[in-house]
Amino acid sequence: MFGLSPYNRRNREMMNRPSDFFNFDNFSNFIDSFFNTDFFPQVQNVGQMKVDIKEKDNKYILEAELPGVNKDEITLELRNDMLTISVEKNEQIEETKENYIRKERRYGSQSRSFYVENVKAEDIKANFENGILSISLPKKEVKPNSNRKIDIN
């Protein structure tokens, strides 16, 4: 079974043109199509947490896309003006039918950190709904600089 490799029309067309095989664009397409067939399970992009940060008058809003993640798998931490979002996923699937047993285990973790200064740490609020983690970071009141010209004698 391990000697088998998916073979589809797109791969066959590329192999018919050996001079194009070493073209990086075609080689990249070959590799992508090899792993994106039904022969291999779909591989998730681990470590690619997509985050949007918006600034409002009185707060920052950070939204992180975490599809397929449960709320209890998320850790949110603020330490030394560094906000860290961590996700740790540990999944085990065991399926038994008449003549076969299937066991799969997947483990993955990812994290992103953001430097956030001038925020009220005690007023930070987070909400997780439909795979979107939304974090509200209220701004501290910034006092305007009191500039004063100093005379030199």
N, C-alpha and C. Protein backbone atom coordinates (compact mmCIF):
# COMPACT_ATOMS: atom_id res chain seq x y z
N MET A 1 0.81 -1.20 0.00
CA MET A 1 0.00 0.00 0.00
C MET A 1 0.85 1.26 0.00
N PHE A 2 2.01 1.23 0.68
CA PHE A 2 2.83 2.42 0.75
C PHE A 2 3.53 2.74 -0.56
N GLY A 3 3.55 1.81 -1.48
CA GLY A 3 4.17 2.07 -2.77
C GLY A 3 3.21 2.73 -3.74
N LEU A 4 1.95 2.84 -3.38
CA LEU A 4 0.96 3.45 -4.26
C LEU A 4 1.06 4.96 -4.20
N SER A 5 0.83 5.60 -5.33
CA SER A 5 0.78 7.05 -5.34
C SER A 5 -0.40 7.48 -6.21
N PRO A 6 -1.12 8.51 -5.76
CA PRO A 6 -2.26 8.98 -6.55
C PRO A 6 -1.80 9.42 -7.93
N TYR A 7 -2.58 9.12 -8.90
CA TYR A 7 -2.22 9.44 -10.27
C TYR A 7 -3.48 9.92 -10.96
N ASN A 8 -3.49 11.16 -11.37
CA ASN A 8 -4.67 11.67 -12.07
C ASN A 8 -4.25 12.29 -13.39
N ARG A 9 -5.22 12.75 -14.13
CA ARG A 9 -4.96 13.25 -15.48
C ARG A 9 -3.97 14.42 -15.45
N ARG A 10 -4.11 15.30 -14.49
CA ARG A 10 -3.22 16.46 -14.42
C ARG A 10 -1.77 16.01 -14.26
N ASN A 11 -1.54 15.03 -13.39
CA ASN A 11 -0.18 14.51 -13.19
C ASN A 11 0.32 13.83 -14.46
N ARG A 12 -0.56 13.07 -15.12
CA ARG A 12 -0.18 12.35 -16.33
C ARG A 12 0.23 13.33 -17.43
N GLU A 13 -0.52 14.43 -17.56
CA GLU A 13 -0.19 15.42 -18.58
C GLU A 13 1.19 16.03 -18.30
N MET A 14 1.50 16.27 -17.06
CA MET A 14 2.79 16.85 -16.74
C MET A 14 3.91 15.85 -16.99
N MET A 15 3.67 14.60 -16.69
CA MET A 15 4.70 13.59 -16.90
C MET A 15 4.96 13.35 -18.38
N ASN A 16 3.99 13.66 -19.24
CA ASN A 16 4.19 13.51 -20.69
C ASN A 16 5.13 14.59 -21.23
N ARG A 17 5.32 15.64 -20.47
CA ARG A 17 6.23 16.72 -20.88
C ARG A 17 7.39 16.78 -19.90
N PRO A 18 8.36 15.89 -20.03
CA PRO A 18 9.44 15.81 -19.05
C PRO A 18 10.22 17.12 -18.90
N SER A 19 10.31 17.91 -19.97
CA SER A 19 11.05 19.17 -19.85
C SER A 19 10.35 20.13 -18.90
N ASP A 20 9.02 20.01 -18.75
CA ASP A 20 8.27 20.88 -17.85
C ASP A 20 8.28 20.37 -16.42
N PHE A 21 8.68 19.13 -16.23
CA PHE A 21 8.61 18.55 -14.90
C PHE A 21 9.46 19.33 -13.89
N PHE A 22 10.62 19.81 -14.34
CA PHE A 22 11.51 20.51 -13.43
C PHE A 22 11.22 22.00 -13.35
N ASN A 23 10.21 22.46 -14.07
CA ASN A 23 9.75 23.83 -13.92
C ASN A 23 9.12 23.94 -12.54
N PHE A 24 9.57 24.88 -11.71
CA PHE A 24 9.13 24.94 -10.32
C PHE A 24 7.62 25.10 -10.19
N ASP A 25 7.00 25.92 -11.05
CA ASP A 25 5.55 26.11 -10.97
C ASP A 25 4.82 24.80 -11.21
N ASN A 26 5.23 24.06 -12.22
CA ASN A 26 4.58 22.79 -12.52
C ASN A 26 4.87 21.76 -11.43
N PHE A 27 6.09 21.76 -10.91
CA PHE A 27 6.44 20.82 -9.86
C PHE A 27 5.60 21.09 -8.61
N SER A 28 5.43 22.37 -8.30
CA SER A 28 4.61 22.76 -7.14
C SER A 28 3.16 22.29 -7.34
N ASN A 29 2.64 22.45 -8.55
CA ASN A 29 1.28 21.97 -8.84
C ASN A 29 1.20 20.46 -8.70
N PHE A 30 2.25 19.77 -9.15
CA PHE A 30 2.29 18.31 -9.04
C PHE A 30 2.23 17.88 -7.57
N ILE A 31 3.03 18.52 -6.73
CA ILE A 31 3.05 18.19 -5.30
C ILE A 31 1.69 18.50 -4.68
N ASP A 32 1.12 19.68 -4.99
CA ASP A 32 -0.19 20.04 -4.44
C ASP A 32 -1.25 19.04 -4.83
N SER A 33 -1.27 18.66 -6.10
CA SER A 33 -2.30 17.72 -6.55
C SER A 33 -2.07 16.33 -5.98
N PHE A 34 -0.81 15.98 -5.70
CA PHE A 34 -0.52 14.67 -5.12
C PHE A 34 -1.14 14.55 -3.73
N PHE A 35 -0.98 15.59 -2.92
CA PHE A 35 -1.47 15.53 -1.55
C PHE A 35 -2.92 15.95 -1.41
N ASN A 36 -3.51 16.53 -2.43
CA ASN A 36 -4.90 16.96 -2.34
C ASN A 36 -5.84 16.01 -3.08
N THR A 37 -5.57 14.75 -3.02
CA THR A 37 -6.45 13.76 -3.61
C THR A 37 -7.20 13.06 -2.49
N ASP A 38 -8.16 12.22 -2.84
CA ASP A 38 -8.92 11.48 -1.84
C ASP A 38 -8.08 10.41 -1.17
N PHE A 39 -6.92 10.10 -1.74
CA PHE A 39 -6.06 9.08 -1.18
C PHE A 39 -5.52 9.50 0.19
N PHE A 40 -5.22 10.82 0.33
CA PHE A 40 -4.71 11.35 1.58
C PHE A 40 -5.79 12.17 2.26
N PRO A 41 -5.89 12.11 3.59
CA PRO A 41 -6.83 12.98 4.27
C PRO A 41 -6.40 14.43 4.12
N GLN A 42 -7.36 15.32 4.17
CA GLN A 42 -7.07 16.74 4.02
C GLN A 42 -6.21 17.21 5.19
N VAL A 43 -5.11 17.85 4.88
CA VAL A 43 -4.21 18.34 5.90
C VAL A 43 -4.57 19.79 6.18
N GLN A 44 -4.77 20.12 7.46
CA GLN A 44 -5.10 21.48 7.83
C GLN A 44 -3.83 22.30 7.91
N ASN A 45 -3.99 23.60 7.67
CA ASN A 45 -2.86 24.52 7.79
C ASN A 45 -2.63 24.81 9.26
N VAL A 46 -1.71 24.09 9.86
CA VAL A 46 -1.42 24.27 11.27
C VAL A 46 -0.53 25.50 11.42
N GLY A 47 -0.81 26.30 12.43
CA GLY A 47 0.02 27.46 12.68
C GLY A 47 -0.35 28.68 11.87
N GLN A 48 -1.45 28.66 11.18
CA GLN A 48 -1.84 29.80 10.37
C GLN A 48 -3.14 30.38 10.90
N MET A 49 -3.08 30.94 12.07
CA MET A 49 -4.23 31.58 12.69
C MET A 49 -4.41 32.94 12.03
N LYS A 50 -5.55 33.16 11.42
CA LYS A 50 -5.82 34.44 10.76
C LYS A 50 -6.43 35.39 11.78
N VAL A 51 -5.87 36.61 11.85
CA VAL A 51 -6.29 37.58 12.86
C VAL A 51 -6.50 38.94 12.21
N ASP A 52 -7.59 39.59 12.59
CA ASP A 52 -7.87 40.97 12.18
C ASP A 52 -7.82 41.84 13.43
N ILE A 53 -7.21 43.01 13.33
CA ILE A 53 -7.15 43.94 14.45
C ILE A 53 -7.74 45.26 13.98
N LYS A 54 -8.74 45.74 14.73
CA LYS A 54 -9.40 47.00 14.41
C LYS A 54 -9.18 47.98 15.55
N GLU A 55 -9.04 49.26 15.21
CA GLU A 55 -8.91 50.28 16.23
C GLU A 55 -10.14 51.16 16.23
N LYS A 56 -10.75 51.31 17.39
CA LYS A 56 -11.88 52.22 17.58
C LYS A 56 -11.38 53.37 18.46
N ASP A 57 -12.25 54.32 18.72
CA ASP A 57 -11.85 55.47 19.54
C ASP A 57 -11.37 55.06 20.92
N ASN A 58 -12.08 54.14 21.56
CA ASN A 58 -11.77 53.81 22.94
C ASN A 58 -11.28 52.38 23.17
N LYS A 59 -11.11 51.60 22.09
CA LYS A 59 -10.66 50.22 22.27
C LYS A 59 -10.08 49.66 20.97
N TYR A 60 -9.38 48.54 21.14
CA TYR A 60 -8.94 47.73 20.01
C TYR A 60 -9.81 46.48 20.00
N ILE A 61 -10.10 45.98 18.82
CA ILE A 61 -10.85 44.73 18.69
C ILE A 61 -10.00 43.77 17.87
N LEU A 62 -9.73 42.62 18.45
CA LEU A 62 -8.93 41.60 17.80
C LEU A 62 -9.85 40.41 17.53
N GLU A 63 -9.90 39.96 16.27
CA GLU A 63 -10.73 38.81 15.89
C GLU A 63 -9.85 37.75 15.25
N ALA A 64 -9.88 36.55 15.85
CA ALA A 64 -9.06 35.44 15.36
C ALA A 64 -9.98 34.35 14.85
N GLU A 65 -9.68 33.84 13.64
CA GLU A 65 -10.45 32.73 13.07
C GLU A 65 -9.88 31.42 13.60
N LEU A 66 -10.75 30.65 14.26
CA LEU A 66 -10.33 29.36 14.82
C LEU A 66 -11.36 28.29 14.47
N PRO A 67 -11.47 27.96 13.17
CA PRO A 67 -12.48 26.97 12.78
C PRO A 67 -12.16 25.58 13.32
N GLY A 68 -13.19 24.88 13.76
CA GLY A 68 -13.03 23.53 14.24
C GLY A 68 -12.44 23.42 15.64
N VAL A 69 -12.34 24.55 16.32
CA VAL A 69 -11.76 24.58 17.67
C VAL A 69 -12.89 24.76 18.68
N ASN A 70 -12.78 24.08 19.80
CA ASN A 70 -13.73 24.26 20.89
C ASN A 70 -13.20 25.31 21.86
N LYS A 71 -14.12 25.94 22.56
CA LYS A 71 -13.77 27.01 23.50
C LYS A 71 -12.76 26.55 24.54
N ASP A 72 -12.90 25.31 25.03
CA ASP A 72 -12.00 24.81 26.08
C ASP A 72 -10.60 24.49 25.58
N GLU A 73 -10.36 24.55 24.28
CA GLU A 73 -9.03 24.31 23.70
C GLU A 73 -8.23 25.59 23.52
N ILE A 74 -8.84 26.74 23.88
CA ILE A 74 -8.21 28.05 23.68
C ILE A 74 -7.68 28.58 25.02
N THR A 75 -6.47 29.10 24.99
CA THR A 75 -5.90 29.78 26.14
C THR A 75 -5.56 31.20 25.72
N LEU A 76 -6.04 32.14 26.51
CA LEU A 76 -5.81 33.56 26.23
C LEU A 76 -5.09 34.15 27.44
N GLU A 77 -3.93 34.78 27.19
CA GLU A 77 -3.11 35.23 28.31
C GLU A 77 -2.48 36.58 27.99
N LEU A 78 -2.47 37.46 28.99
CA LEU A 78 -1.80 38.75 28.88
C LEU A 78 -0.69 38.80 29.92
N ARG A 79 0.54 38.94 29.45
CA ARG A 79 1.70 38.99 30.34
C ARG A 79 2.70 40.01 29.80
N ASN A 80 3.05 40.99 30.63
CA ASN A 80 4.01 42.03 30.25
C ASN A 80 3.66 42.69 28.92
N ASP A 81 2.42 43.11 28.78
CA ASP A 81 1.90 43.77 27.56
C ASP A 81 1.95 42.89 26.33
N MET A 82 2.03 41.59 26.52
CA MET A 82 2.04 40.64 25.41
C MET A 82 0.79 39.76 25.52
N LEU A 83 -0.12 39.90 24.54
CA LEU A 83 -1.33 39.10 24.50
C LEU A 83 -1.05 37.87 23.65
N THR A 84 -1.28 36.68 24.21
CA THR A 84 -1.01 35.43 23.51
C THR A 84 -2.27 34.61 23.41
N ILE A 85 -2.59 34.18 22.18
CA ILE A 85 -3.70 33.27 21.92
C ILE A 85 -3.07 31.93 21.58
N SER A 86 -3.42 30.90 22.35
CA SER A 86 -2.89 29.56 22.10
C SER A 86 -4.03 28.58 21.93
N VAL A 87 -3.84 27.65 21.01
CA VAL A 87 -4.82 26.59 20.78
C VAL A 87 -4.08 25.27 20.80
N GLU A 88 -4.61 24.32 21.56
CA GLU A 88 -4.04 22.98 21.60
C GLU A 88 -5.16 21.99 21.34
N LYS A 89 -5.01 21.22 20.29
CA LYS A 89 -6.04 20.29 19.87
C LYS A 89 -5.47 18.87 19.93
N ASN A 90 -6.18 18.01 20.64
CA ASN A 90 -5.78 16.62 20.76
C ASN A 90 -7.02 15.79 20.46
N GLU A 91 -7.01 15.11 19.33
CA GLU A 91 -8.19 14.39 18.87
C GLU A 91 -7.86 12.93 18.62
N GLN A 92 -8.74 12.06 19.08
CA GLN A 92 -8.58 10.63 18.82
C GLN A 92 -9.88 10.10 18.27
N ILE A 93 -9.78 9.35 17.17
CA ILE A 93 -10.95 8.74 16.53
C ILE A 93 -10.74 7.24 16.52
N GLU A 94 -11.72 6.52 16.99
CA GLU A 94 -11.65 5.07 16.95
C GLU A 94 -12.97 4.57 16.39
N GLU A 95 -12.87 3.80 15.31
CA GLU A 95 -14.06 3.30 14.63
C GLU A 95 -13.87 1.80 14.39
N THR A 96 -14.86 1.04 14.78
CA THR A 96 -14.81 -0.41 14.60
C THR A 96 -16.04 -0.86 13.83
N LYS A 97 -15.81 -1.61 12.77
CA LYS A 97 -16.91 -2.19 12.00
C LYS A 97 -16.65 -3.68 11.85
N GLU A 98 -17.40 -4.34 11.03
CA GLU A 98 -17.35 -5.80 10.92
C GLU A 98 -15.94 -6.36 10.77
N ASN A 99 -15.21 -5.90 9.77
CA ASN A 99 -13.93 -6.54 9.50
C ASN A 99 -12.73 -5.58 9.53
N TYR A 100 -12.91 -4.42 10.12
CA TYR A 100 -11.76 -3.54 10.22
C TYR A 100 -11.86 -2.64 11.46
N ILE A 101 -10.71 -2.15 11.85
CA ILE A 101 -10.61 -1.20 12.95
C ILE A 101 -9.82 -0.01 12.43
N ARG A 102 -10.33 1.17 12.70
CA ARG A 102 -9.64 2.39 12.27
C ARG A 102 -9.38 3.22 13.52
N LYS A 103 -8.13 3.57 13.72
CA LYS A 103 -7.74 4.44 14.83
C LYS A 103 -6.90 5.56 14.26
N GLU A 104 -7.27 6.76 14.61
CA GLU A 104 -6.50 7.92 14.16
C GLU A 104 -6.29 8.84 15.35
N ARG A 105 -5.12 9.44 15.39
CA ARG A 105 -4.81 10.40 16.42
C ARG A 105 -4.20 11.63 15.75
N ARG A 106 -4.68 12.77 16.20
CA ARG A 106 -4.14 14.02 15.69
C ARG A 106 -3.85 14.94 16.86
N TYR A 107 -2.72 15.59 16.80
CA TYR A 107 -2.37 16.57 17.81
C TYR A 107 -1.81 17.79 17.09
N GLY A 108 -2.22 18.93 17.52
CA GLY A 108 -1.68 20.14 16.92
C GLY A 108 -1.81 21.30 17.88
N SER A 109 -0.91 22.23 17.78
CA SER A 109 -0.99 23.43 18.59
C SER A 109 -0.51 24.61 17.74
N GLN A 110 -1.04 25.76 18.08
CA GLN A 110 -0.63 26.97 17.40
C GLN A 110 -0.81 28.13 18.35
N SER A 111 -0.07 29.19 18.14
CA SER A 111 -0.23 30.36 18.98
C SER A 111 0.21 31.60 18.21
N ARG A 112 -0.35 32.71 18.63
CA ARG A 112 0.04 34.02 18.09
C ARG A 112 0.15 34.96 19.27
N SER A 113 1.12 35.85 19.22
CA SER A 113 1.31 36.84 20.28
C SER A 113 1.30 38.24 19.68
N PHE A 114 0.78 39.18 20.46
CA PHE A 114 0.66 40.56 20.01
C PHE A 114 1.10 41.48 21.14
N TYR A 115 1.91 42.45 20.81
CA TYR A 115 2.32 43.45 21.79
C TYR A 115 1.20 44.47 21.89
N VAL A 116 0.60 44.59 23.07
CA VAL A 116 -0.49 45.53 23.29
C VAL A 116 -0.15 46.39 24.50
N GLU A 117 0.14 47.64 24.25
CA GLU A 117 0.43 48.54 25.36
C GLU A 117 -0.72 49.53 25.49
N ASN A 118 -0.79 50.18 26.63
CA ASN A 118 -1.83 51.17 26.91
C ASN A 118 -3.23 50.59 26.83
N VAL A 119 -3.40 49.37 27.34
CA VAL A 119 -4.74 48.79 27.44
C VAL A 119 -5.04 48.51 28.91
N LYS A 120 -6.31 48.57 29.26
CA LYS A 120 -6.76 48.28 30.63
C LYS A 120 -6.89 46.77 30.76
N ALA A 121 -5.90 46.14 31.36
CA ALA A 121 -5.86 44.68 31.46
C ALA A 121 -7.07 44.13 32.20
N GLU A 122 -7.53 44.81 33.21
CA GLU A 122 -8.65 44.30 34.00
C GLU A 122 -9.99 44.38 33.26
N ASP A 123 -10.07 45.15 32.18
CA ASP A 123 -11.33 45.31 31.44
C ASP A 123 -11.36 44.56 30.11
N ILE A 124 -10.36 43.75 29.83
CA ILE A 124 -10.33 42.98 28.58
C ILE A 124 -11.43 41.93 28.63
N LYS A 125 -12.18 41.82 27.55
CA LYS A 125 -13.26 40.84 27.45
C LYS A 125 -13.06 40.01 26.18
N ALA A 126 -13.41 38.73 26.25
CA ALA A 126 -13.27 37.84 25.09
C ALA A 126 -14.57 37.07 24.91
N ASN A 127 -14.90 36.80 23.65
CA ASN A 127 -16.09 36.04 23.30
C ASN A 127 -15.73 35.09 22.17
N PHE A 128 -16.21 33.86 22.25
CA PHE A 128 -15.95 32.87 21.20
C PHE A 128 -17.27 32.36 20.67
N GLU A 129 -17.51 32.59 19.37
CA GLU A 129 -18.77 32.18 18.76
C GLU A 129 -18.54 31.85 17.28
N ASN A 130 -19.05 30.71 16.85
CA ASN A 130 -18.97 30.27 15.46
C ASN A 130 -17.55 30.28 14.90
N GLY A 131 -16.58 29.86 15.70
CA GLY A 131 -15.20 29.76 15.25
C GLY A 131 -14.44 31.07 15.23
N ILE A 132 -15.03 32.15 15.75
CA ILE A 132 -14.36 33.45 15.80
C ILE A 132 -14.15 33.85 17.25
N LEU A 133 -12.90 34.07 17.62
CA LEU A 133 -12.56 34.58 18.94
C LEU A 133 -12.45 36.10 18.82
N SER A 134 -13.31 36.81 19.54
CA SER A 134 -13.32 38.27 19.50
C SER A 134 -12.86 38.79 20.85
N ILE A 135 -11.84 39.63 20.84
CA ILE A 135 -11.25 40.16 22.07
C ILE A 135 -11.36 41.68 22.04
N SER A 136 -11.95 42.24 23.07
CA SER A 136 -12.08 43.69 23.20
C SER A 136 -11.03 44.18 24.19
N LEU A 137 -10.17 45.07 23.72
CA LEU A 137 -9.05 45.60 24.53
C LEU A 137 -9.26 47.10 24.74
N PRO A 138 -9.89 47.49 25.86
CA PRO A 138 -10.13 48.92 26.10
C PRO A 138 -8.81 49.68 26.27
N LYS A 139 -8.75 50.86 25.68
CA LYS A 139 -7.54 51.69 25.77
C LYS A 139 -7.50 52.42 27.11
N LYS A 140 -6.29 52.60 27.61
CA LYS A 140 -6.10 53.47 28.77
C LYS A 140 -6.23 54.90 28.29
N GLU A 141 -6.66 55.76 29.19
CA GLU A 141 -6.72 57.17 28.82
C GLU A 141 -5.30 57.70 28.75
N VAL A 142 -4.96 58.17 27.59
CA VAL A 142 -3.61 58.70 27.40
C VAL A 142 -3.65 60.19 27.63
N LYS A 143 -2.85 60.63 28.58
CA LYS A 143 -2.79 62.06 28.89
C LYS A 143 -1.93 62.74 27.84
N PRO A 144 -2.40 63.88 27.35
CA PRO A 144 -1.58 64.58 26.36
C PRO A 144 -0.26 65.03 27.00
N ASN A 145 0.76 65.00 26.18
CA ASN A 145 2.07 65.41 26.67
C ASN A 145 2.02 66.89 27.07
N SER A 146 2.51 67.14 28.23
CA SER A 146 2.57 68.54 28.65
C SER A 146 3.97 69.05 28.27
N ASN A 147 4.04 69.61 27.12
CA ASN A 147 5.31 70.14 26.63
C ASN A 147 5.54 71.53 27.20
N ARG A 148 6.73 71.78 27.56
CA ARG A 148 7.10 73.08 28.11
C ARG A 148 8.48 73.43 27.60
N LYS A 149 8.59 74.61 27.12
CA LYS A 149 9.89 75.06 26.66
C LYS A 149 10.71 75.49 27.86
N ILE A 150 11.94 75.06 27.90
CA ILE A 150 12.82 75.37 29.01
C ILE A 150 13.88 76.36 28.51
N ASP A 151 13.97 77.46 29.21
CA ASP A 151 14.96 78.47 28.83
C ASP A 151 16.34 78.03 29.30
N ILE A 152 17.32 78.34 28.51
CA ILE A 152 18.70 78.01 28.84
C ILE A 152 19.40 79.30 29.23
N ASN A 153 20.01 79.33 30.39
CA ASN A 153 20.75 80.52 30.86
C ASN A 153 22.16 80.51 30.41
